[in-house]
Amino acid sequence: MMSDWLTSLKTDTPQQGFELAIMLARNAVAYTQPSPEIRERLRYIYAENADSLIATSHVVATHFQTVAAANNYWK
């Protein structure tokens, strides 16, 4: 289990919010596949797969929606 790293969804700017969304996606992968060796071995597979990259963008976009809602970016 990772140490506590997510203390808030609040960010000062939408750019920081997007970076937080990326961090959320990356940490979700680390939680579900805790072995760095396995993640590294799999990286080359999805790095050249358009469907995998599009799926990654979708996950980040979903996380960004959550962060944006927490920060009222849509006002």
Protein backbone atom coordinates (compact mmCIF):
# COMPACT_ATOMS: atom_id res chain seq x y z
CA MET A 1 0.00 0.00 0.00
CA MET A 2 1.26 3.48 -0.89
CA SER A 3 1.62 6.18 1.72
CA ASP A 4 -1.00 8.92 1.85
CA TRP A 5 -0.28 11.20 -1.09
CA LEU A 6 -3.68 12.60 -2.05
CA THR A 7 -4.60 15.23 0.47
CA SER A 8 -6.97 17.29 -1.68
CA LEU A 9 -8.45 17.59 -5.15
CA LYS A 10 -8.16 21.37 -4.91
CA THR A 11 -5.66 23.01 -7.25
CA ASP A 12 -4.75 26.61 -7.99
CA THR A 13 -5.08 26.34 -11.77
CA PRO A 14 -6.68 24.07 -14.37
CA GLN A 15 -3.15 23.13 -15.51
CA GLN A 16 -2.37 21.85 -12.02
CA GLY A 17 -5.72 20.08 -12.07
CA PHE A 18 -4.80 18.30 -15.28
CA GLU A 19 -1.44 17.29 -13.82
CA LEU A 20 -3.27 15.94 -10.77
CA ALA A 21 -5.53 13.93 -13.09
CA ILE A 22 -2.45 12.37 -14.70
CA MET A 23 -1.04 11.58 -11.26
CA LEU A 24 -4.33 9.92 -10.29
CA ALA A 25 -4.19 7.73 -13.39
CA ARG A 26 -0.56 6.77 -12.84
CA ASN A 27 -1.10 5.94 -9.19
CA ALA A 28 -4.14 3.83 -10.05
CA VAL A 29 -1.91 1.72 -12.29
CA ALA A 30 0.68 1.39 -9.52
CA TYR A 31 -2.01 0.29 -7.07
CA THR A 32 -3.42 -2.33 -9.43
CA GLN A 33 0.01 -3.58 -10.59
CA PRO A 34 2.42 -2.96 -7.71
CA SER A 35 5.43 -4.56 -9.44
CA PRO A 36 7.60 -1.91 -11.13
CA GLU A 37 9.33 -4.64 -13.12
CA ILE A 38 6.05 -5.86 -14.62
CA ARG A 39 4.87 -2.30 -15.36
CA GLU A 40 8.18 -1.58 -17.11
CA ARG A 41 7.94 -4.78 -19.13
CA LEU A 42 4.39 -3.96 -20.25
CA ARG A 43 5.09 -0.32 -21.05
CA TYR A 44 6.56 -1.02 -24.50
CA ILE A 45 3.40 -2.90 -25.47
CA TYR A 46 0.94 -0.09 -24.78
CA ALA A 47 3.36 2.68 -25.79
CA GLU A 48 2.95 1.69 -29.44
CA ASN A 49 -0.72 0.73 -29.32
CA ALA A 50 -3.10 3.49 -30.43
CA ASP A 51 -6.09 1.93 -28.64
CA SER A 52 -4.15 1.79 -25.37
CA LEU A 53 -3.06 5.40 -25.70
CA ILE A 54 -6.62 6.52 -26.44
CA ALA A 55 -7.85 4.54 -23.42
CA THR A 56 -5.22 6.30 -21.31
CA SER A 57 -6.46 9.68 -22.50
CA HIS A 58 -10.00 8.66 -21.57
CA VAL A 59 -8.95 7.69 -18.04
CA VAL A 60 -7.10 10.99 -17.56
CA ALA A 61 -10.10 12.91 -18.92
CA THR A 62 -12.39 11.15 -16.45
CA HIS A 63 -10.06 12.04 -13.57
CA PHE A 64 -9.87 15.62 -14.83
CA GLN A 65 -13.68 15.85 -14.78
CA THR A 66 -13.56 14.90 -11.10
CA VAL A 67 -10.84 17.44 -10.30
CA ALA A 68 -12.63 20.13 -12.34
CA ALA A 69 -15.86 19.52 -10.44
CA ALA A 70 -14.01 19.78 -7.11
CA ASN A 71 -12.50 23.10 -8.21
CA ASN A 72 -15.57 24.54 -9.94
CA TYR A 73 -13.66 25.04 -13.20
CA TRP A 74 -16.92 25.05 -15.18
CA LYS A 75 -18.26 28.24 -13.57
